[in-house]
Amino acid sequence: MTATLQARGAAIGEAIAARAKDRAIARGVERLRDDVAGIEVRGEPDAIVLTGRGLFRRWINDARLRAIGSLLT
């Protein structure tokens, strides 16, 4: 009985954590899309991916992108 309750509790906790992670990625993608025009931003199951022409050059010159990069790595 106790093992069953622990297993259910663990499963519920994992589901809550997975939903929270998905929501955080979605919020991050939405915010980044608003902040960095001309850069493609997409969410993946475990990451936020930024791509685009000239991204590295913009990363060097734009303090916002450098700050984002320091948070994501």
N, C-alpha and C. Protein backbone atom coordinates (compact mmCIF):
# COMPACT_ATOMS: atom_id res chain seq x y z
N MET A 1 0.82 -1.20 0.00
CA MET A 1 0.00 0.00 0.00
C MET A 1 0.87 1.26 0.00
N THR A 2 1.85 1.30 0.87
CA THR A 2 2.72 2.47 0.96
C THR A 2 3.53 2.63 -0.32
N ALA A 3 4.00 1.53 -0.87
CA ALA A 3 4.77 1.59 -2.11
C ALA A 3 3.92 2.11 -3.25
N THR A 4 2.67 1.71 -3.29
CA THR A 4 1.76 2.17 -4.33
C THR A 4 1.53 3.68 -4.22
N LEU A 5 1.33 4.15 -2.99
CA LEU A 5 1.14 5.58 -2.79
C LEU A 5 2.39 6.36 -3.15
N GLN A 6 3.55 5.84 -2.81
CA GLN A 6 4.80 6.51 -3.16
C GLN A 6 4.98 6.56 -4.67
N ALA A 7 4.64 5.47 -5.36
CA ALA A 7 4.76 5.44 -6.82
C ALA A 7 3.81 6.45 -7.45
N ARG A 8 2.57 6.51 -6.94
CA ARG A 8 1.61 7.48 -7.48
C ARG A 8 2.08 8.90 -7.23
N GLY A 9 2.60 9.15 -6.03
CA GLY A 9 3.11 10.48 -5.70
C GLY A 9 4.27 10.87 -6.59
N ALA A 10 5.17 9.92 -6.85
CA ALA A 10 6.31 10.19 -7.73
C ALA A 10 5.83 10.49 -9.14
N ALA A 11 4.87 9.72 -9.63
CA ALA A 11 4.34 9.93 -10.98
C ALA A 11 3.67 11.30 -11.10
N ILE A 12 2.91 11.67 -10.08
CA ILE A 12 2.25 12.98 -10.09
C ILE A 12 3.29 14.09 -10.06
N GLY A 13 4.30 13.95 -9.22
CA GLY A 13 5.36 14.95 -9.14
C GLY A 13 6.10 15.11 -10.45
N GLU A 14 6.38 13.99 -11.12
CA GLU A 14 7.06 14.05 -12.41
C GLU A 14 6.19 14.74 -13.46
N ALA A 15 4.88 14.46 -13.43
CA ALA A 15 3.97 15.09 -14.39
C ALA A 15 3.89 16.59 -14.16
N ILE A 16 3.84 17.00 -12.90
CA ILE A 16 3.79 18.43 -12.58
C ILE A 16 5.08 19.11 -13.03
N ALA A 17 6.22 18.47 -12.78
CA ALA A 17 7.50 19.04 -13.18
C ALA A 17 7.60 19.15 -14.70
N ALA A 18 7.14 18.15 -15.42
CA ALA A 18 7.19 18.17 -16.89
C ALA A 18 6.32 19.30 -17.44
N ARG A 19 5.13 19.47 -16.88
CA ARG A 19 4.24 20.57 -17.34
C ARG A 19 4.85 21.92 -17.03
N ALA A 20 5.47 22.06 -15.87
CA ALA A 20 6.10 23.33 -15.50
C ALA A 20 7.26 23.64 -16.44
N LYS A 21 8.04 22.62 -16.79
CA LYS A 21 9.16 22.82 -17.72
C LYS A 21 8.64 23.24 -19.09
N ASP A 22 7.59 22.59 -19.57
CA ASP A 22 7.02 22.94 -20.87
C ASP A 22 6.50 24.37 -20.88
N ARG A 23 5.84 24.77 -19.79
CA ARG A 23 5.33 26.15 -19.71
C ARG A 23 6.47 27.15 -19.67
N ALA A 24 7.54 26.82 -18.94
CA ALA A 24 8.68 27.73 -18.86
C ALA A 24 9.34 27.89 -20.22
N ILE A 25 9.47 26.80 -20.96
CA ILE A 25 10.06 26.87 -22.31
C ILE A 25 9.16 27.71 -23.21
N ALA A 26 7.86 27.50 -23.14
CA ALA A 26 6.93 28.28 -23.98
C ALA A 26 7.01 29.77 -23.64
N ARG A 27 7.08 30.11 -22.35
CA ARG A 27 7.20 31.53 -21.96
C ARG A 27 8.52 32.11 -22.46
N GLY A 28 9.59 31.33 -22.34
CA GLY A 28 10.90 31.81 -22.80
C GLY A 28 10.91 32.05 -24.29
N VAL A 29 10.33 31.14 -25.05
CA VAL A 29 10.28 31.29 -26.51
C VAL A 29 9.48 32.53 -26.87
N GLU A 30 8.34 32.71 -26.24
CA GLU A 30 7.50 33.87 -26.54
C GLU A 30 8.23 35.18 -26.21
N ARG A 31 8.87 35.21 -25.07
CA ARG A 31 9.58 36.44 -24.67
C ARG A 31 10.77 36.72 -25.59
N LEU A 32 11.50 35.68 -25.95
CA LEU A 32 12.65 35.89 -26.84
C LEU A 32 12.22 36.33 -28.22
N ARG A 33 11.12 35.78 -28.72
CA ARG A 33 10.62 36.21 -30.04
C ARG A 33 10.29 37.69 -30.04
N ASP A 34 9.76 38.17 -28.94
CA ASP A 34 9.44 39.60 -28.84
C ASP A 34 10.70 40.45 -28.74
N ASP A 35 11.74 39.94 -28.09
CA ASP A 35 12.94 40.73 -27.82
C ASP A 35 13.95 40.76 -28.96
N VAL A 36 14.06 39.70 -29.74
CA VAL A 36 15.10 39.63 -30.77
C VAL A 36 14.47 39.43 -32.14
N ALA A 37 14.26 40.52 -32.83
CA ALA A 37 13.66 40.46 -34.16
C ALA A 37 14.66 39.89 -35.16
N GLY A 38 14.15 39.13 -36.11
CA GLY A 38 15.00 38.60 -37.16
C GLY A 38 15.71 37.31 -36.79
N ILE A 39 15.50 36.80 -35.59
CA ILE A 39 16.11 35.56 -35.15
C ILE A 39 14.99 34.55 -34.94
N GLU A 40 15.18 33.34 -35.48
CA GLU A 40 14.18 32.29 -35.28
C GLU A 40 14.38 31.70 -33.89
N VAL A 41 13.30 31.64 -33.14
CA VAL A 41 13.33 31.08 -31.79
C VAL A 41 12.32 29.94 -31.76
N ARG A 42 12.75 28.77 -31.34
CA ARG A 42 11.83 27.65 -31.24
C ARG A 42 12.11 26.86 -29.97
N GLY A 43 11.07 26.29 -29.45
CA GLY A 43 11.19 25.47 -28.25
C GLY A 43 11.27 24.01 -28.63
N GLU A 44 12.14 23.30 -27.97
CA GLU A 44 12.25 21.86 -28.11
C GLU A 44 11.97 21.25 -26.74
N PRO A 45 11.82 19.95 -26.66
CA PRO A 45 11.45 19.35 -25.37
C PRO A 45 12.34 19.75 -24.19
N ASP A 46 13.63 19.92 -24.42
CA ASP A 46 14.52 20.26 -23.32
C ASP A 46 15.35 21.50 -23.58
N ALA A 47 14.95 22.33 -24.54
CA ALA A 47 15.81 23.45 -24.89
C ALA A 47 15.03 24.55 -25.61
N ILE A 48 15.65 25.72 -25.64
CA ILE A 48 15.20 26.83 -26.48
C ILE A 48 16.32 27.05 -27.50
N VAL A 49 15.98 27.03 -28.78
CA VAL A 49 16.98 27.11 -29.85
C VAL A 49 16.81 28.42 -30.60
N LEU A 50 17.91 29.15 -30.74
CA LEU A 50 17.93 30.38 -31.52
C LEU A 50 18.76 30.13 -32.76
N THR A 51 18.21 30.48 -33.93
CA THR A 51 18.94 30.33 -35.19
C THR A 51 18.65 31.54 -36.06
N GLY A 52 19.52 31.77 -36.99
CA GLY A 52 19.29 32.84 -37.94
C GLY A 52 20.59 33.35 -38.53
N ARG A 53 20.44 33.97 -39.66
CA ARG A 53 21.59 34.52 -40.36
C ARG A 53 22.17 35.67 -39.55
N GLY A 54 23.46 35.64 -39.33
CA GLY A 54 24.13 36.71 -38.60
C GLY A 54 23.95 36.65 -37.10
N LEU A 55 23.48 35.53 -36.59
CA LEU A 55 23.23 35.42 -35.16
C LEU A 55 24.51 35.61 -34.35
N PHE A 56 25.60 35.00 -34.78
CA PHE A 56 26.85 35.13 -34.04
C PHE A 56 27.33 36.58 -34.01
N ARG A 57 27.26 37.25 -35.15
CA ARG A 57 27.66 38.65 -35.22
C ARG A 57 26.78 39.50 -34.31
N ARG A 58 25.47 39.24 -34.33
CA ARG A 58 24.57 39.98 -33.45
C ARG A 58 24.84 39.66 -31.99
N TRP A 59 25.20 38.40 -31.70
CA TRP A 59 25.53 38.01 -30.33
C TRP A 59 26.72 38.81 -29.81
N ILE A 60 27.71 39.03 -30.67
CA ILE A 60 28.88 39.81 -30.27
C ILE A 60 28.50 41.26 -29.96
N ASN A 61 27.63 41.84 -30.76
CA ASN A 61 27.30 43.27 -30.65
C ASN A 61 26.12 43.59 -29.73
N ASP A 62 25.27 42.64 -29.46
CA ASP A 62 24.04 42.90 -28.70
C ASP A 62 24.14 42.33 -27.29
N ALA A 63 24.14 43.20 -26.31
CA ALA A 63 24.28 42.77 -24.92
C ALA A 63 23.13 41.87 -24.47
N ARG A 64 21.92 42.09 -25.03
CA ARG A 64 20.78 41.24 -24.66
C ARG A 64 21.01 39.79 -25.06
N LEU A 65 21.54 39.58 -26.27
CA LEU A 65 21.82 38.22 -26.70
C LEU A 65 22.92 37.57 -25.88
N ARG A 66 23.92 38.35 -25.50
CA ARG A 66 24.98 37.79 -24.65
C ARG A 66 24.42 37.40 -23.29
N ALA A 67 23.51 38.22 -22.75
CA ALA A 67 22.89 37.88 -21.46
C ALA A 67 22.05 36.62 -21.59
N ILE A 68 21.31 36.50 -22.69
CA ILE A 68 20.50 35.30 -22.91
C ILE A 68 21.41 34.09 -23.02
N GLY A 69 22.49 34.22 -23.76
CA GLY A 69 23.43 33.11 -23.92
C GLY A 69 24.03 32.67 -22.61
N SER A 70 24.32 33.61 -21.72
CA SER A 70 24.89 33.22 -20.44
C SER A 70 23.87 32.49 -19.58
N LEU A 71 22.59 32.77 -19.75
CA LEU A 71 21.56 32.06 -19.00
C LEU A 71 21.30 30.67 -19.55
N LEU A 72 21.43 30.51 -20.86
CA LEU A 72 21.05 29.25 -21.49
C LEU A 72 22.14 28.19 -21.47
N THR A 73 23.37 28.60 -21.31
CA THR A 73 24.45 27.59 -21.36
C THR A 73 24.72 27.01 -20.01
